[in-house]
Amino acid sequence: MADDAPATTQTAAPDSQATTPTGSGPAPAARGIRVERRGRVEVITVSDPARRNAMSVDLATDLVAAVRRAEGDEGVGAIVVTGEPPGFCAGADLSQLGASKEDGLRTIYQGFLAVAECTLPTVAAVNGAAVGAGMNLALACDLRVAGPKARFDSRFLQLGLHPGGGYTWMAQRVLGPQGAAAVTLFGENLGAEEAERVGLVWRAVDDPVAAAVELAGRAADAPRDLAITTKRTMRVTATQAAQRDAVEVEIRAQVASLESPAFAERLAALKAKVSKSK
């Protein structure tokens, strides 16, 4: 992974920065969407620790903006999404929906959809509880890693609330019908190791953000256009019934990559490395 670039940090909502008087201890984390660059990986942190990072209308709007900026930045090759400790995301903040609950929910779900529809590879670093629609934020990513404090708790039915934000569609795609039923209908509450066992996360790790950045860095080291095209192809072929159909989808993009300067350069570097090892 390209780690030679210094890490840079910014907060998407500077007007919500919290301050602490000198001598009173560390300042509390600012409420907003925090963005940090690690090499070619953009780490996007949902930060509202007082509410366990529940997704409000303004946070969702800022999350959409952060994802869009990363997609438009040629220096970013992959995205990691995480939450301000000690939580990951406590779902939708239902107390701030406004007069129209449907409009408020649709705005909040735009945040999850921005991650789900992101053209770049995405990894969720689940460092705490993902509750209710907070699971949407994790499920929206291409890959999930979970730390020791991670919990996956659907909790919709237990609260008397119907799932939303595309949760049922994502859960069934990731967990299958039985796994989705276990978590959603029967209230199975999963820790990191159990989530790994059932396929909800790729790996249970000690430091989820570091592990996610390392994984994302591998994708970010690939030619950016190639990673974007490959992710788009995977989405198309996932809905096809036959391998022959997938061949037809892949062949054009593969031929284009064979003729690309990036392939020529990397092939030449590989040949030189093999020659030196002989």
Protein backbone atom coordinates (compact mmCIF):
# COMPACT_ATOMS: atom_id res chain seq x y z
CA MET A 1 0.00 0.00 0.00
CA ALA A 2 1.23 3.51 -0.77
CA ASP A 3 1.75 4.96 2.72
CA ASP A 4 4.35 7.55 1.76
CA ALA A 5 1.76 10.33 1.58
CA PRO A 6 1.19 12.04 4.95
CA ALA A 7 -2.13 11.54 6.65
CA THR A 8 -4.34 14.62 6.48
CA THR A 9 -7.52 15.27 8.40
CA GLN A 10 -10.47 17.58 7.91
CA THR A 11 -13.99 17.85 9.31
CA ALA A 12 -16.88 18.28 6.90
CA ALA A 13 -18.91 20.32 9.38
CA PRO A 14 -16.47 22.85 10.90
CA ASP A 15 -19.25 24.87 12.50
CA SER A 16 -19.87 22.00 14.91
CA GLN A 17 -16.30 21.86 16.24
CA ALA A 18 -16.24 21.48 20.02
CA THR A 19 -13.64 23.26 22.13
CA THR A 20 -12.28 22.53 25.59
CA PRO A 21 -10.71 25.11 27.93
CA THR A 22 -6.99 24.71 28.62
CA GLY A 23 -6.28 22.24 31.36
CA SER A 24 -9.68 20.55 31.29
CA GLY A 25 -8.55 17.44 29.42
CA PRO A 26 -8.81 16.38 25.79
CA ALA A 27 -11.42 18.04 23.62
CA PRO A 28 -14.45 15.90 22.80
CA ALA A 29 -14.70 14.71 19.22
CA ALA A 30 -16.38 17.21 16.93
CA ARG A 31 -19.81 16.35 15.62
CA GLY A 32 -19.78 15.91 11.86
CA ILE A 33 -18.13 13.87 9.15
CA ARG A 34 -14.37 13.69 9.63
CA VAL A 35 -12.16 12.90 6.64
CA GLU A 36 -8.56 11.67 6.85
CA ARG A 37 -6.25 10.72 3.98
CA ARG A 38 -3.98 7.73 4.51
CA GLY A 39 -1.93 7.23 1.39
CA ARG A 40 -4.54 6.79 -1.35
CA VAL A 41 -7.24 5.71 1.11
CA GLU A 42 -9.88 8.16 2.35
CA VAL A 43 -11.04 7.35 5.89
CA ILE A 44 -14.52 8.79 6.49
CA THR A 45 -15.63 8.86 10.13
CA VAL A 46 -19.22 9.47 11.20
CA SER A 47 -18.83 11.46 14.40
CA ASP A 48 -21.54 12.14 16.93
CA PRO A 49 -20.32 10.10 19.91
CA ALA A 50 -22.89 11.56 22.29
CA ARG A 51 -25.57 9.83 20.19
CA ARG A 52 -23.43 6.81 19.25
CA ASN A 53 -23.10 8.26 15.73
CA ALA A 54 -26.80 7.99 14.94
CA MET A 55 -27.35 9.21 11.38
CA SER A 56 -29.17 12.53 11.39
CA VAL A 57 -30.30 14.54 8.36
CA ASP A 58 -27.27 16.84 8.48
CA LEU A 59 -24.77 14.02 9.01
CA ALA A 60 -26.28 12.11 6.09
CA THR A 61 -26.00 15.19 3.88
CA ASP A 62 -22.35 15.64 4.87
CA LEU A 63 -21.66 11.94 4.31
CA VAL A 64 -23.02 12.16 0.76
CA ALA A 65 -20.75 15.15 0.13
CA ALA A 66 -17.69 13.37 1.56
CA VAL A 67 -18.23 10.30 -0.61
CA ARG A 68 -18.79 12.43 -3.71
CA ARG A 69 -15.60 14.40 -3.05
CA ALA A 70 -13.59 11.20 -2.69
CA GLU A 71 -15.03 9.84 -5.94
CA GLY A 72 -14.01 13.04 -7.72
CA ASP A 73 -10.47 13.09 -6.30
CA GLU A 74 -7.95 11.26 -8.51
CA GLY A 75 -5.71 10.90 -5.47
CA VAL A 76 -8.24 8.62 -3.73
CA GLY A 77 -8.37 4.98 -4.76
CA ALA A 78 -10.55 3.48 -2.01
CA ILE A 79 -12.67 4.49 0.99
CA VAL A 80 -12.88 3.27 4.59
CA VAL A 81 -16.04 4.12 6.56
CA THR A 82 -16.04 3.98 10.35
CA GLY A 83 -17.65 5.57 13.41
CA GLU A 84 -16.32 7.74 16.21
CA PRO A 85 -15.49 5.46 19.18
CA PRO A 86 -17.03 3.90 21.10
CA GLY A 87 -19.78 3.24 18.54
CA PHE A 88 -20.05 2.55 14.83
CA CYS A 89 -23.56 3.80 14.05
CA ALA A 90 -26.70 3.63 16.17
CA GLY A 91 -29.01 3.82 13.16
CA ALA A 92 -31.17 6.70 12.00
CA ASP A 93 -31.70 9.61 14.39
CA LEU A 94 -35.49 9.52 14.45
CA SER A 95 -35.71 12.55 16.74
CA GLN A 96 -34.63 14.92 13.95
CA LEU A 97 -36.81 13.87 11.04
CA GLY A 98 -38.77 17.12 10.90
CA ALA A 99 -42.42 17.58 9.97
CA SER A 100 -42.36 15.00 7.19
CA LYS A 101 -41.03 11.72 8.51
CA GLU A 102 -40.85 10.22 5.04
CA ASP A 103 -38.80 13.10 3.66
CA GLY A 104 -36.50 12.99 6.67
CA LEU A 105 -35.94 9.26 6.34
CA ARG A 106 -35.29 9.55 2.61
CA THR A 107 -32.63 12.19 3.28
CA ILE A 108 -30.95 10.03 5.91
CA TYR A 109 -30.98 7.02 3.62
CA GLN A 110 -29.22 9.06 0.93
CA GLY A 111 -26.14 8.79 3.16
CA PHE A 112 -26.27 4.99 3.13
CA LEU A 113 -27.03 4.95 -0.60
CA ALA A 114 -24.04 7.18 -1.35
CA VAL A 115 -21.79 4.55 0.21
CA ALA A 116 -23.64 1.65 -1.44
CA GLU A 117 -23.48 3.29 -4.88
CA CYS A 118 -19.90 4.54 -4.53
CA THR A 119 -17.81 3.76 -7.61
CA LEU A 120 -14.66 3.24 -5.52
CA PRO A 121 -13.94 0.12 -3.42
CA THR A 122 -15.27 0.58 0.12
CA VAL A 123 -14.48 -1.10 3.44
CA ALA A 124 -16.44 -0.72 6.68
CA ALA A 125 -14.32 -0.67 9.84
CA VAL A 126 -16.91 -1.68 12.42
CA ASN A 127 -15.38 -0.59 15.71
CA GLY A 128 -18.48 -0.64 17.89
CA ALA A 129 -22.21 -1.28 17.84
CA ALA A 130 -24.01 -1.20 14.48
CA VAL A 131 -27.64 -0.96 15.55
CA GLY A 132 -30.79 -0.86 13.44
CA ALA A 133 -30.16 1.18 10.31
CA GLY A 134 -26.56 1.46 11.51
CA MET A 135 -26.18 -1.98 9.98
CA ASN A 136 -27.08 -0.33 6.66
CA LEU A 137 -23.87 1.69 6.82
CA ALA A 138 -21.82 -1.48 7.25
CA LEU A 139 -23.79 -3.51 4.69
CA ALA A 140 -23.47 -0.71 2.14
CA CYS A 141 -19.71 -1.28 1.93
CA ASP A 142 -18.07 -3.85 -0.33
CA LEU A 143 -16.25 -5.42 2.60
CA ARG A 144 -16.54 -5.35 6.38
CA VAL A 145 -14.03 -5.94 9.16
CA ALA A 146 -15.05 -5.93 12.81
CA GLY A 147 -13.17 -5.15 16.01
CA PRO A 148 -13.53 -6.68 19.49
CA LYS A 149 -16.24 -4.18 20.48
CA ALA A 150 -18.32 -4.63 17.34
CA ARG A 151 -21.94 -5.71 17.69
CA PHE A 152 -24.50 -6.21 14.94
CA ASP A 153 -28.01 -5.72 16.28
CA SER A 154 -30.90 -5.26 13.86
CA ARG A 155 -33.35 -4.40 16.63
CA PHE A 156 -36.03 -3.10 14.26
CA LEU A 157 -38.78 -5.48 15.36
CA GLN A 158 -37.81 -5.22 19.02
CA LEU A 159 -38.43 -1.46 18.76
CA GLY A 160 -41.70 -1.92 16.90
CA LEU A 161 -40.14 -0.42 13.77
CA HIS A 162 -40.17 -1.71 10.20
CA PRO A 163 -36.69 -1.98 8.60
CA GLY A 164 -35.78 0.70 6.07
CA GLY A 165 -33.07 2.10 3.86
CA GLY A 166 -32.77 -1.06 1.79
CA TYR A 167 -31.79 -3.11 4.84
CA THR A 168 -33.79 -6.23 3.96
CA TRP A 169 -32.35 -6.31 0.42
CA MET A 170 -28.75 -5.92 1.62
CA ALA A 171 -29.09 -8.35 4.52
CA GLN A 172 -30.45 -11.12 2.31
CA ARG A 173 -27.74 -10.57 -0.30
CA VAL A 174 -24.97 -10.77 2.31
CA LEU A 175 -26.39 -13.33 4.73
CA GLY A 176 -28.82 -15.31 2.59
CA PRO A 177 -32.49 -15.81 3.49
CA GLN A 178 -31.87 -17.79 6.69
CA GLY A 179 -29.12 -15.56 8.04
CA ALA A 180 -31.13 -12.44 7.30
CA ALA A 181 -34.16 -13.96 9.03
CA ALA A 182 -32.07 -14.91 12.08
CA VAL A 183 -30.78 -11.37 12.52
CA THR A 184 -33.92 -9.49 11.49
CA LEU A 185 -36.92 -11.59 12.55
CA PHE A 186 -35.40 -13.56 15.41
CA GLY A 187 -33.19 -10.86 16.92
CA GLU A 188 -29.82 -12.60 16.73
CA ASN A 189 -27.22 -10.18 18.11
CA LEU A 190 -23.79 -10.91 16.65
CA GLY A 191 -20.32 -10.12 17.92
CA ALA A 192 -17.28 -9.90 15.64
CA GLU A 193 -16.34 -13.59 15.66
CA GLU A 194 -19.90 -14.80 15.11
CA ALA A 195 -20.36 -12.20 12.37
CA GLU A 196 -17.25 -13.58 10.69
CA ARG A 197 -18.54 -17.14 11.01
CA VAL A 198 -21.83 -16.35 9.28
CA GLY A 199 -20.23 -14.19 6.59
CA LEU A 200 -21.49 -10.81 7.74
CA VAL A 201 -17.89 -9.60 8.02
CA TRP A 202 -14.82 -10.69 6.13
CA ARG A 203 -12.60 -10.80 9.20
CA ALA A 204 -12.64 -10.21 12.96
CA VAL A 205 -9.57 -8.13 13.87
CA ASP A 206 -8.03 -6.33 16.84
CA ASP A 207 -7.79 -2.93 15.14
CA PRO A 208 -10.59 -2.58 12.57
CA VAL A 209 -9.54 0.81 11.18
CA ALA A 210 -5.93 -0.27 10.61
CA ALA A 211 -7.07 -3.54 9.04
CA ALA A 212 -9.59 -1.75 6.83
CA VAL A 213 -6.99 0.77 5.66
CA GLU A 214 -4.57 -2.05 4.85
CA LEU A 215 -7.21 -3.87 2.80
CA ALA A 216 -8.40 -0.69 1.11
CA GLY A 217 -4.80 0.17 0.30
CA ARG A 218 -4.48 -2.92 -1.87
CA ALA A 219 -7.43 -1.78 -3.98
CA ALA A 220 -6.13 1.80 -4.01
CA ASP A 221 -2.75 0.63 -5.35
CA ALA A 222 -4.42 -0.72 -8.50
CA PRO A 223 -4.98 1.63 -11.45
CA ARG A 224 -7.94 3.74 -10.36
CA ASP A 225 -9.94 3.41 -13.57
CA LEU A 226 -9.40 -0.35 -13.55
CA ALA A 227 -10.66 -0.72 -9.98
CA ILE A 228 -13.76 1.35 -10.80
CA THR A 229 -14.46 -0.64 -13.97
CA THR A 230 -13.94 -3.97 -12.21
CA LYS A 231 -16.33 -3.04 -9.40
CA ARG A 232 -18.92 -1.98 -11.97
CA THR A 233 -18.46 -5.27 -13.84
CA MET A 234 -18.90 -7.29 -10.64
CA ARG A 235 -22.23 -5.56 -10.03
CA VAL A 236 -23.41 -6.42 -13.53
CA THR A 237 -22.28 -10.06 -13.52
CA ALA A 238 -23.77 -10.65 -10.05
CA THR A 239 -27.22 -10.53 -11.65
CA GLN A 240 -26.43 -12.79 -14.60
CA ALA A 241 -27.46 -16.42 -14.80
CA ALA A 242 -24.68 -17.91 -16.91
CA GLN A 243 -20.89 -17.77 -17.05
CA ARG A 244 -21.06 -17.21 -20.84
CA ASP A 245 -22.96 -13.97 -20.24
CA ALA A 246 -20.24 -12.82 -17.83
CA VAL A 247 -17.56 -13.56 -20.44
CA GLU A 248 -19.26 -11.17 -22.84
CA VAL A 249 -19.45 -8.44 -20.19
CA GLU A 250 -15.82 -8.86 -19.12
CA ILE A 251 -14.12 -9.27 -22.50
CA ARG A 252 -14.34 -5.65 -23.66
CA ALA A 253 -12.97 -4.25 -20.44
CA GLN A 254 -10.24 -6.88 -20.30
CA VAL A 255 -9.07 -6.13 -23.85
CA ALA A 256 -8.99 -2.42 -23.01
CA SER A 257 -6.86 -3.11 -19.94
CA LEU A 258 -4.46 -5.24 -22.00
CA GLU A 259 -3.83 -2.20 -24.19
CA SER A 260 -3.42 0.24 -21.28
CA PRO A 261 -0.08 1.89 -20.31
CA ALA A 262 -0.63 0.79 -16.71
CA PHE A 263 -0.67 -2.88 -17.71
CA ALA A 264 2.46 -2.49 -19.84
CA GLU A 265 4.32 -0.76 -17.02
CA ARG A 266 3.31 -3.27 -14.37
CA LEU A 267 4.06 -6.25 -16.61
CA ALA A 268 7.51 -4.85 -17.38
CA ALA A 269 8.17 -4.29 -13.66
CA LEU A 270 7.10 -7.85 -12.87
CA LYS A 271 9.36 -9.28 -15.58
CA ALA A 272 12.29 -7.22 -14.29
CA LYS A 273 11.65 -8.45 -10.75
CA VAL A 274 11.51 -12.09 -11.90
CA SER A 275 14.74 -11.66 -13.88
CA LYS A 276 16.55 -10.25 -10.85
CA SER A 277 15.42 -13.16 -8.67
CA LYS A 278 16.91 -15.77 -11.01
